[in-house]
N, C-alpha and C. Protein backbone atom coordinates (compact mmCIF):
# COMPACT_ATOMS: atom_id res chain seq x y z
N MET A 1 -4.92 10.90 1.14
CA MET A 1 -5.31 9.60 1.56
C MET A 1 -4.97 8.67 0.43
N PRO A 2 -4.46 7.98 0.75
CA PRO A 2 -2.94 6.79 -0.50
C PRO A 2 -4.59 6.31 -1.20
N GLU A 3 -4.49 5.98 -2.64
CA GLU A 3 -5.65 5.67 -3.17
C GLU A 3 -4.72 3.71 -3.21
N ILE A 4 -6.03 3.25 -3.35
CA ILE A 4 -6.31 1.79 -2.61
C ILE A 4 -6.13 1.20 -4.84
N LYS A 5 -4.93 0.11 -4.53
CA LYS A 5 -4.93 0.00 -5.62
C LYS A 5 -5.45 -1.78 -5.91
N GLU A 6 -5.21 -2.24 -7.32
CA GLU A 6 -6.36 -3.37 -7.12
C GLU A 6 -4.82 -4.26 -7.85
N ARG A 7 -4.13 -5.85 -7.42
CA ARG A 7 -3.82 -6.32 -8.50
C ARG A 7 -3.46 -7.51 -8.77
N PRO A 8 -3.62 -8.27 -9.92
CA PRO A 8 -4.04 -9.94 -9.70
C PRO A 8 -3.20 -10.82 -9.44
N ILE A 9 -3.33 -11.74 -8.69
CA ILE A 9 -2.43 -12.75 -7.80
C ILE A 9 -2.84 -14.50 -7.91
N LEU A 10 -1.77 -15.31 -8.25
CA LEU A 10 -2.42 -16.90 -9.15
C LEU A 10 -1.95 -16.73 -8.12
N PHE A 11 -2.98 -18.10 -7.48
CA PHE A 11 -2.97 -19.30 -6.44
C PHE A 11 -4.08 -20.79 -7.25
N SER A 12 -3.27 -21.68 -6.67
CA SER A 12 -3.65 -22.92 -7.57
C SER A 12 -4.46 -23.33 -6.63
N ALA A 13 -5.52 -24.63 -6.89
CA ALA A 13 -6.74 -24.80 -6.75
C ALA A 13 -6.38 -25.16 -5.24
N PRO A 14 -5.67 -26.10 -4.84
CA PRO A 14 -5.33 -25.98 -3.14
C PRO A 14 -5.89 -24.63 -3.19
N MET A 15 -4.94 -23.95 -2.65
CA MET A 15 -4.95 -22.35 -1.77
C MET A 15 -5.65 -22.10 -1.86
N VAL A 16 -6.26 -22.55 -3.17
CA VAL A 16 -7.78 -21.15 -3.57
C VAL A 16 -8.70 -22.40 -2.31
N ARG A 17 -8.89 -23.78 -2.20
CA ARG A 17 -9.61 -24.49 -1.13
C ARG A 17 -9.33 -23.88 0.07
N ALA A 18 -7.91 -23.49 0.55
CA ALA A 18 -7.89 -22.55 2.09
C ALA A 18 -8.16 -21.89 2.23
N ILE A 19 -8.05 -21.22 1.42
CA ILE A 19 -8.73 -19.20 1.48
C ILE A 19 -9.78 -19.59 2.04
N LEU A 20 -10.92 -20.44 0.83
CA LEU A 20 -12.20 -20.66 1.11
C LEU A 20 -12.74 -21.76 1.88
N ALA A 21 -11.98 -21.81 2.76
CA ALA A 21 -12.36 -22.04 3.83
C ALA A 21 -11.99 -22.09 5.37
N GLY A 22 -11.28 -20.41 5.00
CA GLY A 22 -10.87 -19.97 5.98
C GLY A 22 -8.96 -20.40 6.57
N GLN A 23 -8.73 -21.38 6.37
CA GLN A 23 -7.12 -21.45 6.22
C GLN A 23 -6.65 -20.89 6.81
N LYS A 24 -6.05 -20.34 4.88
CA LYS A 24 -5.29 -19.45 4.10
C LYS A 24 -5.48 -17.96 4.54
N THR A 25 -4.26 -17.66 5.32
CA THR A 25 -4.50 -16.54 5.78
C THR A 25 -3.38 -15.28 4.76
N VAL A 26 -2.13 -15.63 4.91
CA VAL A 26 -1.11 -15.70 4.40
C VAL A 26 -0.47 -15.99 3.02
N THR A 27 1.02 -15.88 1.68
CA THR A 27 1.15 -16.00 1.60
C THR A 27 2.19 -15.89 0.86
N ARG A 28 3.78 -16.38 0.71
CA ARG A 28 4.49 -16.13 0.74
C ARG A 28 5.65 -16.56 -0.92
N ARG A 29 6.44 -15.05 -1.32
CA ARG A 29 6.50 -15.47 -2.90
C ARG A 29 8.17 -14.41 -2.36
N GLU A 30 9.09 -15.32 -3.50
CA GLU A 30 10.64 -15.31 -3.31
C GLU A 30 10.35 -13.59 -3.71
N VAL A 31 10.97 -13.14 -3.25
CA VAL A 31 11.56 -11.24 -3.08
C VAL A 31 12.42 -11.59 -4.35
N LYS A 32 12.08 -10.71 -5.89
CA LYS A 32 12.60 -10.81 -6.70
C LYS A 32 12.67 -9.51 -7.69
N LYS A 33 12.92 -8.74 -7.52
CA LYS A 33 12.21 -7.44 -7.86
C LYS A 33 14.09 -6.50 -7.54
N ARG A 34 14.97 -6.60 -8.67
CA ARG A 34 16.65 -6.10 -8.32
C ARG A 34 16.69 -5.31 -7.28
N ALA A 35 16.04 -4.13 -7.66
CA ALA A 35 15.82 -3.11 -6.68
C ALA A 35 15.79 -3.83 -5.66
N ALA A 36 15.17 -4.33 -4.56
CA ALA A 36 14.59 -5.47 -3.74
C ALA A 36 15.50 -5.30 -2.74
N LEU A 37 16.57 -6.87 -4.06
CA LEU A 37 17.32 -7.54 -3.54
C LEU A 37 18.91 -6.47 -3.30
N ASP A 38 19.09 -5.59 -4.22
CA ASP A 38 19.62 -4.51 -4.11
C ASP A 38 20.00 -4.00 -2.55
N CYS A 39 18.69 -3.55 -2.24
CA CYS A 39 19.02 -3.21 -1.27
C CYS A 39 19.14 -3.54 0.30
N LEU A 40 18.95 -5.63 0.16
CA LEU A 40 19.14 -6.36 0.92
C LEU A 40 20.53 -6.48 0.82
N ALA A 41 21.14 -6.10 -0.43
CA ALA A 41 22.87 -7.03 -0.49
C ALA A 41 23.42 -5.74 0.38
N ALA A 42 22.04 -4.15 -0.43
CA ALA A 42 23.80 -3.39 0.73
C ALA A 42 23.49 -3.56 1.85
N GLY A 43 22.85 -3.49 2.79
CA GLY A 43 22.97 -4.09 4.17
C GLY A 43 21.72 -3.53 4.64
N PHE A 44 20.44 -2.82 3.61
CA PHE A 44 18.68 -2.33 4.40
C PHE A 44 18.34 -3.49 5.16
N GLU A 45 17.67 -3.46 6.65
CA GLU A 45 17.28 -3.83 6.96
C GLU A 45 15.78 -4.04 5.89
N PRO A 46 15.85 -5.59 6.45
CA PRO A 46 13.83 -6.64 5.43
C PRO A 46 12.76 -5.51 6.00
N SER A 47 13.56 -4.78 6.95
CA SER A 47 11.63 -4.11 7.26
C SER A 47 11.64 -2.42 6.15
N PHE A 48 12.78 -1.91 5.73
CA PHE A 48 13.06 -0.56 4.60
C PHE A 48 12.07 -1.17 3.71
N LEU A 49 12.50 -2.50 2.72
CA LEU A 49 11.73 -2.64 2.61
C LEU A 49 9.63 -1.98 1.54
N ALA A 50 8.80 -2.89 3.19
CA ALA A 50 8.15 -2.66 3.69
C ALA A 50 7.95 -0.92 3.63
N LEU A 51 8.35 -0.28 4.07
CA LEU A 51 7.47 1.20 4.26
C LEU A 51 7.03 1.63 3.35
N PRO A 52 5.85 1.95 3.83
CA PRO A 52 5.39 2.75 2.86
C PRO A 52 5.46 3.86 1.59
N GLY A 53 7.22 4.30 2.23
CA GLY A 53 7.51 5.44 0.62
C GLY A 53 8.11 3.87 -0.03
N ASN A 54 8.27 2.92 0.25
CA ASN A 54 8.69 2.34 -0.68
C ASN A 54 8.28 1.27 -1.05
N SER A 55 6.38 1.34 -1.47
CA SER A 55 5.87 0.85 -2.69
C SER A 55 5.97 0.19 -3.70
N ASP A 56 7.25 0.83 -4.03
CA ASP A 56 7.18 0.76 -5.66
C ASP A 56 8.15 -0.63 -5.58
N LEU A 57 8.30 -1.22 -4.30
CA LEU A 57 9.76 -1.99 -4.09
C LEU A 57 8.64 -3.72 -4.48
N CYS A 58 7.24 -3.42 -3.89
CA CYS A 58 6.86 -4.66 -3.07
C CYS A 58 6.09 -5.04 -4.89
N PRO A 59 6.10 -6.24 -4.90
CA PRO A 59 4.65 -5.83 -6.44
C PRO A 59 3.27 -6.01 -5.97
N TYR A 60 2.93 -6.89 -4.76
CA TYR A 60 1.86 -7.03 -4.75
C TYR A 60 1.50 -6.38 -3.66
N GLY A 61 2.55 -4.70 -3.41
CA GLY A 61 0.91 -3.53 -2.80
C GLY A 61 1.61 -3.42 -1.18
N GLN A 62 0.83 -2.74 -1.04
CA GLN A 62 0.76 -2.54 1.04
C GLN A 62 -0.29 -2.55 1.49
N PRO A 63 -0.20 -2.73 2.71
CA PRO A 63 -2.05 -3.03 3.56
C PRO A 63 -2.85 -1.50 3.05
N GLY A 64 -4.13 -2.38 2.99
CA GLY A 64 -5.50 -1.98 2.39
C GLY A 64 -5.53 -1.83 0.94
N ASP A 65 -4.09 -2.26 0.20
CA ASP A 65 -4.29 -2.42 -1.45
C ASP A 65 -5.46 -3.82 -1.52
N ARG A 66 -5.54 -4.08 -2.09
CA ARG A 66 -6.30 -5.71 -2.83
C ARG A 66 -5.59 -6.47 -4.11
N LEU A 67 -5.79 -7.52 -3.86
CA LEU A 67 -5.54 -8.76 -4.48
C LEU A 67 -7.03 -9.45 -5.24
N TRP A 68 -6.92 -9.13 -6.38
CA TRP A 68 -7.71 -10.59 -7.06
C TRP A 68 -7.52 -12.02 -7.32
N VAL A 69 -7.44 -12.73 -6.70
CA VAL A 69 -6.94 -13.97 -7.47
C VAL A 69 -7.55 -14.35 -8.38
N ARG A 70 -6.56 -14.51 -8.90
CA ARG A 70 -6.69 -15.78 -10.54
C ARG A 70 -6.57 -17.13 -10.23
N GLU A 71 -7.29 -18.25 -10.57
CA GLU A 71 -6.80 -19.66 -10.14
C GLU A 71 -7.79 -19.97 -11.47
N THR A 72 -7.20 -21.22 -11.49
CA THR A 72 -7.60 -22.58 -13.45
C THR A 72 -9.58 -22.38 -13.30
N PHE A 73 -10.11 -21.86 -14.59
CA PHE A 73 -11.53 -22.09 -14.29
C PHE A 73 -11.81 -22.14 -15.89
N ASN A 74 -13.05 -22.00 -16.54
CA ASN A 74 -13.31 -21.56 -17.74
C ASN A 74 -14.77 -20.82 -17.46
N THR A 75 -15.76 -20.99 -18.36
CA THR A 75 -16.83 -20.24 -19.22
C THR A 75 -17.75 -21.43 -17.99
N SER A 76 -19.03 -21.66 -17.40
CA SER A 76 -19.79 -22.62 -17.68
C SER A 76 -20.09 -23.75 -18.75
N SER A 77 -20.51 -23.08 -19.43
CA SER A 77 -21.20 -23.07 -21.06
C SER A 77 -20.30 -24.32 -21.78
N GLU A 78 -18.74 -23.81 -21.43
CA GLU A 78 -18.03 -25.06 -21.97
C GLU A 78 -17.89 -26.53 -21.58
N CYS A 79 -17.58 -25.93 -19.79
CA CYS A 79 -17.37 -26.83 -19.18
C CYS A 79 -18.60 -27.97 -18.65
N ARG A 80 -19.71 -27.47 -18.05
CA ARG A 80 -20.40 -27.96 -17.72
C ARG A 80 -22.35 -28.07 -17.42
N PRO A 81 -22.51 -27.54 -18.65
CA PRO A 81 -24.08 -26.86 -19.14
C PRO A 81 -24.71 -27.89 -18.56
N PRO A 82 -26.10 -27.10 -17.51
CA PRO A 82 -26.84 -25.71 -18.20
C PRO A 82 -26.17 -25.78 -15.56
N ILE A 83 -25.74 -24.92 -15.98
CA ILE A 83 -26.15 -24.45 -14.07
C ILE A 83 -25.93 -22.82 -14.37
N ASP A 84 -26.82 -21.98 -14.22
CA ASP A 84 -26.88 -20.67 -13.07
C ASP A 84 -25.79 -20.40 -13.32
N GLU A 85 -24.15 -20.50 -12.94
CA GLU A 85 -22.89 -20.01 -13.16
C GLU A 85 -22.15 -19.27 -13.40
N PRO A 86 -21.60 -18.12 -14.11
CA PRO A 86 -21.20 -17.42 -15.65
C PRO A 86 -20.36 -18.72 -14.94
N PHE A 87 -19.44 -18.43 -14.89
CA PHE A 87 -17.97 -19.61 -14.21
C PHE A 87 -17.86 -20.69 -13.66
N ILE A 88 -17.19 -21.67 -14.25
CA ILE A 88 -17.10 -22.64 -12.91
C ILE A 88 -15.28 -23.31 -12.98
N TYR A 89 -15.24 -23.16 -11.42
CA TYR A 89 -13.61 -23.63 -11.65
C TYR A 89 -13.30 -24.40 -11.11
N ALA A 90 -11.47 -24.77 -11.74
CA ALA A 90 -11.08 -26.33 -10.60
C ALA A 90 -10.96 -26.48 -9.40
N ALA A 91 -10.70 -25.64 -8.94
CA ALA A 91 -10.54 -26.02 -7.04
C ALA A 91 -12.31 -26.26 -6.31
N ASP A 92 -13.33 -26.16 -7.23
CA ASP A 92 -14.19 -26.34 -6.55
C ASP A 92 -14.85 -27.88 -7.00
N LEU A 93 -14.23 -28.10 -7.61
CA LEU A 93 -14.16 -30.44 -7.86
C LEU A 93 -13.54 -31.22 -7.17
N ASN A 94 -13.98 -32.60 -7.47
CA ASN A 94 -12.83 -33.24 -7.10
C ASN A 94 -11.59 -33.90 -8.22
N SER A 95 -10.70 -33.82 -8.01
CA SER A 95 -9.61 -34.92 -9.29
C SER A 95 -10.82 -35.25 -10.37
N ASP A 96 -11.92 -36.29 -9.93
CA ASP A 96 -12.10 -36.45 -10.90
C ASP A 96 -13.09 -35.62 -11.81
N GLY A 97 -13.23 -34.61 -11.53
CA GLY A 97 -14.07 -33.48 -12.33
C GLY A 97 -13.02 -32.22 -12.81
N VAL A 98 -11.77 -32.30 -12.14
CA VAL A 98 -10.94 -31.65 -12.86
C VAL A 98 -10.57 -31.96 -14.28
N GLN A 99 -10.18 -34.30 -13.77
CA GLN A 99 -10.11 -34.85 -15.06
C GLN A 99 -10.52 -34.71 -15.82
N LYS A 100 -11.68 -34.69 -16.32
CA LYS A 100 -12.91 -34.57 -16.96
C LYS A 100 -13.58 -33.73 -17.62
N TRP A 101 -12.61 -32.92 -17.23
CA TRP A 101 -12.90 -31.00 -18.38
C TRP A 101 -10.87 -30.68 -18.74
N ALA A 102 -10.54 -31.61 -17.82
CA ALA A 102 -8.70 -31.13 -18.16
C ALA A 102 -8.73 -30.58 -19.88
N ALA A 103 -8.92 -30.50 -20.89
CA ALA A 103 -8.80 -30.19 -21.88
C ALA A 103 -9.80 -28.31 -22.12
N ARG A 104 -10.61 -28.53 -21.16
CA ARG A 104 -11.33 -27.34 -21.84
C ARG A 104 -10.82 -26.24 -20.16
N TRP A 105 -9.55 -26.80 -19.52
CA TRP A 105 -9.20 -25.65 -18.50
C TRP A 105 -8.80 -24.62 -18.96
N LYS A 106 -9.01 -23.56 -18.65
CA LYS A 106 -8.61 -22.10 -18.36
C LYS A 106 -6.99 -21.86 -17.72
N PRO A 107 -5.53 -21.55 -17.46
CA PRO A 107 -4.95 -21.71 -16.59
C PRO A 107 -5.25 -19.79 -15.84
N SER A 108 -4.98 -20.43 -14.97
CA SER A 108 -5.22 -19.63 -13.75
C SER A 108 -4.56 -17.64 -14.55
N ILE A 109 -3.35 -17.58 -15.01
CA ILE A 109 -2.66 -15.77 -15.55
C ILE A 109 -3.61 -15.63 -16.82
N HIS A 110 -4.70 -16.83 -17.51
CA HIS A 110 -5.08 -16.12 -18.30
C HIS A 110 -6.90 -15.64 -17.48
N MET A 111 -6.85 -15.57 -16.73
CA MET A 111 -8.61 -15.39 -16.11
C MET A 111 -8.52 -13.91 -15.85
N PRO A 112 -9.81 -13.13 -16.50
CA PRO A 112 -9.81 -11.62 -16.91
C PRO A 112 -10.17 -11.43 -15.05
N ARG A 113 -10.12 -10.34 -14.93
CA ARG A 113 -11.34 -9.69 -13.61
C ARG A 113 -11.86 -10.19 -13.20
N ALA A 114 -13.58 -10.07 -14.68
CA ALA A 114 -14.90 -10.68 -14.12
C ALA A 114 -15.05 -11.81 -14.15
N ALA A 115 -13.92 -12.84 -13.89
CA ALA A 115 -14.12 -13.87 -13.31
C ALA A 115 -13.53 -14.14 -11.99
N SER A 116 -12.88 -13.73 -11.80
CA SER A 116 -12.53 -13.47 -10.14
C SER A 116 -13.40 -13.36 -9.35
N ARG A 117 -14.06 -14.42 -8.54
CA ARG A 117 -14.53 -14.54 -7.16
C ARG A 117 -13.83 -13.72 -6.23
N ILE A 118 -12.55 -14.18 -5.65
CA ILE A 118 -12.22 -13.68 -4.60
C ILE A 118 -11.29 -12.58 -4.54
N LEU A 119 -12.12 -11.24 -3.75
CA LEU A 119 -10.46 -10.54 -3.69
C LEU A 119 -10.15 -10.66 -2.06
N LEU A 120 -8.76 -9.71 -2.31
CA LEU A 120 -7.89 -10.00 -0.97
C LEU A 120 -8.05 -8.39 -0.22
N GLU A 121 -7.62 -7.94 0.93
CA GLU A 121 -7.65 -6.90 1.60
C GLU A 121 -6.15 -7.46 1.86
N ILE A 122 -4.79 -6.58 1.67
CA ILE A 122 -3.40 -6.62 2.47
C ILE A 122 -3.67 -6.52 3.37
N THR A 123 -3.19 -6.85 4.77
CA THR A 123 -3.25 -6.43 5.98
C THR A 123 -1.73 -6.49 6.88
N ARG A 124 -0.50 -6.88 5.49
CA ARG A 124 0.93 -5.91 6.34
C ARG A 124 1.23 -7.62 5.49
N VAL A 125 2.19 -6.29 5.42
CA VAL A 125 3.40 -6.97 4.21
C VAL A 125 4.44 -6.60 4.93
N ARG A 126 5.43 -8.04 5.35
CA ARG A 126 6.98 -8.17 5.27
C ARG A 126 7.67 -8.72 4.65
N VAL A 127 8.88 -8.91 4.68
CA VAL A 127 10.54 -9.75 4.64
C VAL A 127 10.79 -10.46 4.96
N GLU A 128 11.24 -11.37 4.45
CA GLU A 128 12.41 -12.39 6.04
C GLU A 128 12.70 -13.30 5.00
N ARG A 129 14.07 -14.12 5.63
CA ARG A 129 13.91 -15.52 4.93
C ARG A 129 12.88 -16.10 5.22
N LEU A 130 12.75 -17.42 4.53
CA LEU A 130 12.02 -18.63 4.31
C LEU A 130 12.05 -18.81 5.06
N GLN A 131 13.55 -19.51 5.74
CA GLN A 131 12.89 -20.77 6.87
C GLN A 131 12.63 -19.67 8.49
N ALA A 132 12.57 -18.86 8.26
CA ALA A 132 12.45 -18.19 9.75
C ALA A 132 10.67 -18.24 10.14
N ILE A 133 10.27 -19.13 9.25
CA ILE A 133 8.02 -19.36 9.20
C ILE A 133 8.07 -19.43 10.57
N SER A 134 7.29 -19.14 11.32
CA SER A 134 6.78 -20.26 12.28
C SER A 134 5.73 -21.15 12.27
N ASP A 135 5.72 -21.83 13.58
CA ASP A 135 4.40 -22.85 13.61
C ASP A 135 3.56 -22.00 12.80
N GLU A 136 2.97 -21.01 13.55
CA GLU A 136 1.47 -20.41 13.18
C GLU A 136 2.09 -19.91 12.22
N GLN A 137 2.39 -19.28 11.54
CA GLN A 137 2.36 -19.11 10.30
C GLN A 137 2.21 -20.03 8.85
N CYS A 138 3.12 -21.09 9.86
CA CYS A 138 3.03 -22.67 8.59
C CYS A 138 1.08 -22.85 8.45
N VAL A 139 0.36 -22.54 9.66
CA VAL A 139 -0.82 -23.02 9.72
C VAL A 139 -1.28 -22.05 8.65
N ALA A 140 -0.98 -21.03 9.19
CA ALA A 140 -1.83 -19.74 9.11
C ALA A 140 -1.64 -19.73 6.95
N GLU A 141 -0.12 -20.38 6.37
CA GLU A 141 -0.39 -20.75 5.28
C GLU A 141 -1.06 -21.66 4.52
N GLY A 142 -2.14 -22.02 5.05
CA GLY A 142 -2.83 -22.98 5.37
C GLY A 142 -2.42 -24.30 5.41
N CYS A 143 -1.43 -25.04 6.26
CA CYS A 143 -0.54 -26.32 6.02
C CYS A 143 -1.47 -26.92 7.98
N GLY A 144 -1.75 -28.37 7.21
CA GLY A 144 -1.96 -28.29 8.13
C GLY A 144 -3.40 -29.40 7.97
N VAL A 145 -5.21 -29.84 8.85
CA VAL A 145 -5.52 -31.03 8.46
C VAL A 145 -7.06 -30.16 8.96
N GLY A 146 -7.57 -30.85 8.42
CA GLY A 146 -9.61 -30.43 8.83
C GLY A 146 -9.55 -29.56 6.83
N PRO A 147 -10.52 -29.28 6.95
CA PRO A 147 -12.06 -29.19 5.97
C PRO A 147 -11.53 -28.02 5.70
N GLY A 148 -10.66 -28.16 3.94
CA GLY A 148 -9.73 -27.01 3.26
C GLY A 148 -8.06 -26.47 3.74
N ALA A 149 -7.83 -27.41 4.43
CA ALA A 149 -5.98 -27.36 5.28
C ALA A 149 -5.45 -28.03 3.89
N ILE A 150 -4.12 -27.74 3.81
CA ILE A 150 -3.60 -28.36 2.16
C ILE A 150 -2.83 -29.26 3.63
N GLY A 151 -3.40 -30.16 3.60
CA GLY A 151 -2.34 -31.46 4.01
C GLY A 151 -1.51 -32.13 3.37
N VAL A 152 0.15 -32.95 4.04
CA VAL A 152 1.29 -33.01 3.24
C VAL A 152 1.24 -34.40 4.37
N LYS A 153 1.39 -36.06 3.32
CA LYS A 153 2.15 -36.62 4.40
C LYS A 153 3.33 -36.53 4.15
N LEU A 154 4.78 -37.23 5.31
CA LEU A 154 5.50 -37.23 5.10
C LEU A 154 6.51 -37.11 7.06
N THR A 155 7.48 -37.48 6.17
CA THR A 155 8.44 -37.95 7.93
C THR A 155 8.86 -36.28 8.30
N VAL A 156 8.73 -36.06 9.79
CA VAL A 156 9.48 -35.06 10.24
C VAL A 156 11.25 -35.14 10.47
N PRO A 157 11.40 -34.33 9.62
CA PRO A 157 13.35 -34.40 9.65
C PRO A 157 13.52 -33.69 11.02
N PRO A 158 14.46 -34.56 11.63
CA PRO A 158 15.05 -33.57 12.99
C PRO A 158 15.08 -31.87 13.46
N GLY A 159 15.12 -31.53 14.16
CA GLY A 159 14.99 -30.47 15.12
C GLY A 159 13.95 -29.67 13.72
N ALA A 160 13.13 -30.74 13.02
CA ALA A 160 12.19 -29.67 12.84
C ALA A 160 10.22 -29.66 13.17
N SER A 161 9.84 -29.27 12.84
CA SER A 161 8.09 -29.30 13.89
C SER A 161 7.66 -29.55 12.49
N MET A 162 6.07 -29.71 12.60
CA MET A 162 5.58 -30.82 11.47
C MET A 162 4.91 -29.88 10.86
N PRO A 163 4.47 -28.88 11.34
CA PRO A 163 4.02 -27.44 10.31
C PRO A 163 5.21 -27.18 9.59
N GLN A 164 6.02 -26.87 9.86
CA GLN A 164 7.63 -26.70 9.16
C GLN A 164 7.88 -27.33 7.81
N ALA A 165 7.52 -28.65 8.90
CA ALA A 165 7.86 -29.79 7.32
C ALA A 165 6.92 -29.77 5.69
N MET A 166 5.42 -29.07 6.58
CA MET A 166 4.56 -29.41 5.91
C MET A 166 4.70 -28.15 5.46
N PHE A 167 4.38 -27.03 5.60
CA PHE A 167 5.36 -25.80 4.53
C PHE A 167 7.06 -26.43 4.12
N ALA A 168 7.02 -26.90 4.38
CA ALA A 168 8.92 -26.78 3.24
C ALA A 168 8.58 -27.77 2.22
N GLU A 169 7.59 -29.33 2.52
CA GLU A 169 7.53 -29.86 1.26
C GLU A 169 6.47 -29.17 0.83
N LEU A 170 5.57 -27.92 0.13
CA LEU A 170 4.61 -27.63 -0.17
C LEU A 170 5.78 -26.52 -0.67
N TRP A 171 6.30 -25.45 -0.82
CA TRP A 171 7.15 -24.95 -1.04
C TRP A 171 8.27 -25.36 -2.15
N LYS A 172 8.66 -26.79 -1.78
CA LYS A 172 9.19 -27.52 -2.75
C LYS A 172 7.94 -28.05 -3.61
N SER A 173 7.28 -28.39 -3.56
CA SER A 173 6.16 -29.04 -4.51
C SER A 173 5.78 -27.83 -5.46
N ILE A 174 5.45 -26.84 -4.97
CA ILE A 174 5.53 -25.60 -6.24
C ILE A 174 6.37 -24.97 -7.03
N ASN A 175 7.81 -24.87 -5.42
CA ASN A 175 8.44 -24.24 -6.37
C ASN A 175 10.12 -25.17 -6.88
N GLY A 176 10.00 -26.47 -6.12
CA GLY A 176 11.08 -26.80 -7.18
C GLY A 176 12.11 -27.31 -6.46
N ALA A 177 12.80 -28.72 -6.03
CA ALA A 177 13.25 -29.64 -4.86
C ALA A 177 14.40 -28.46 -4.06
N SER A 178 15.05 -28.02 -4.35
CA SER A 178 15.86 -27.10 -3.52
C SER A 178 15.89 -25.64 -3.51
N ALA A 179 14.38 -25.56 -3.80
CA ALA A 179 13.51 -23.83 -2.99
C ALA A 179 14.19 -24.15 -1.71
N TRP A 180 13.67 -24.84 -1.19
CA TRP A 180 13.93 -24.07 0.37
C TRP A 180 14.65 -24.36 0.80
N ASP A 181 16.01 -25.42 0.31
CA ASP A 181 17.54 -25.60 0.87
C ASP A 181 17.51 -23.80 0.68
N ALA A 182 17.99 -23.16 -0.53
CA ALA A 182 18.26 -22.09 -0.64
C ALA A 182 17.41 -20.89 0.53
N ASN A 183 16.84 -21.24 1.23
CA ASN A 183 16.14 -19.63 2.04
C ASN A 183 16.15 -18.67 1.41
N PRO A 184 15.51 -18.75 0.80
CA PRO A 184 15.51 -17.22 0.08
C PRO A 184 14.61 -15.66 0.51
N TRP A 185 14.68 -15.23 0.81
CA TRP A 185 14.05 -14.05 1.02
C TRP A 185 13.09 -13.47 0.47
N VAL A 186 11.69 -13.32 1.83
CA VAL A 186 10.56 -13.45 0.52
C VAL A 186 9.36 -12.41 1.37
N TRP A 187 8.74 -12.27 0.50
CA TRP A 187 8.16 -11.11 0.99
C TRP A 187 6.22 -12.27 1.35
N VAL A 188 6.18 -11.72 2.14
CA VAL A 188 5.24 -12.28 3.33
C VAL A 188 3.70 -11.29 3.14
N VAL A 189 2.83 -11.90 2.86
CA VAL A 189 2.35 -10.74 2.41
C VAL A 189 0.55 -10.99 3.15
N GLU A 190 0.05 -10.69 4.48
CA GLU A 190 -1.14 -11.29 5.33
C GLU A 190 -2.00 -10.80 4.49
N PHE A 191 -3.60 -11.58 4.20
CA PHE A 191 -4.77 -10.39 3.88
C PHE A 191 -6.17 -11.33 4.42
N LYS A 192 -6.76 -10.15 4.31
CA LYS A 192 -8.42 -10.65 4.82
C LYS A 192 -9.29 -11.27 3.85
N ARG A 193 -10.10 -11.72 3.44
CA ARG A 193 -10.83 -12.01 2.35
C ARG A 193 -11.64 -10.76 2.74
N VAL A 194 -12.25 -10.05 1.59
CA VAL A 194 -13.25 -9.44 1.55
C VAL A 194 -14.69 -9.03 0.77
N THR A 195 -14.35 -10.55 0.10
CA THR A 195 -15.37 -11.24 -0.39
C THR A 195 -16.50 -11.88 -0.40
N PRO A 196 -17.63 -12.16 0.36
CA PRO A 196 -18.01 -13.15 0.77
C PRO A 196 -18.57 -14.49 -0.40
N TRP A 197 -18.14 -15.59 0.59
CA TRP A 197 -17.92 -16.95 -0.71
C TRP A 197 -18.63 -17.90 0.48
N PRO A 198 -19.32 -18.58 0.34
CA PRO A 198 -20.13 -18.88 -1.29
C PRO A 198 -20.86 -17.75 -1.55
N ASN A 199 -21.69 -16.97 -1.75
CA ASN A 199 -22.91 -15.41 -1.69
C ASN A 199 -24.65 -16.20 -1.68
């Protein structure tokens, strides 16, 4: 039986809220590893990259592997004493609360494993072009309305659906204004939460 591996993965506060609300069950990350891009450039099918034997090509892992979420945080003693929990998370506060402790937040990249409260199990991995995303997958990315959903107010361009327009705006807000038009190859990592929250 293959060994289950754990890797860290960064999510912004809105993404964390969507995960905790059960609105987000997939993430897309640009394929950047040279070996993977070389395979695609050589004409290999995208499905080749996600085969179990090629697990070294995907930096996020394979089905069954786990991802522990890194998010903006701090110790409770530095931000909001006295409370019972050892850590405080920016995703749990409204914008006023986040601003109040702005100078004390620790970036997600510096979160140690012990501070992570969310563990995800990978259920499926594949590679596709960014703009190949379906409406259903846009919703699974957390775009939409309702508690925890990542809503974006916008005008839908001709030929696009509301979910796709919302996801395109979200992608551009994270990766830059021209990132959507570039239509890069992306890892599509589907997951389920395996740690209950709240406890």
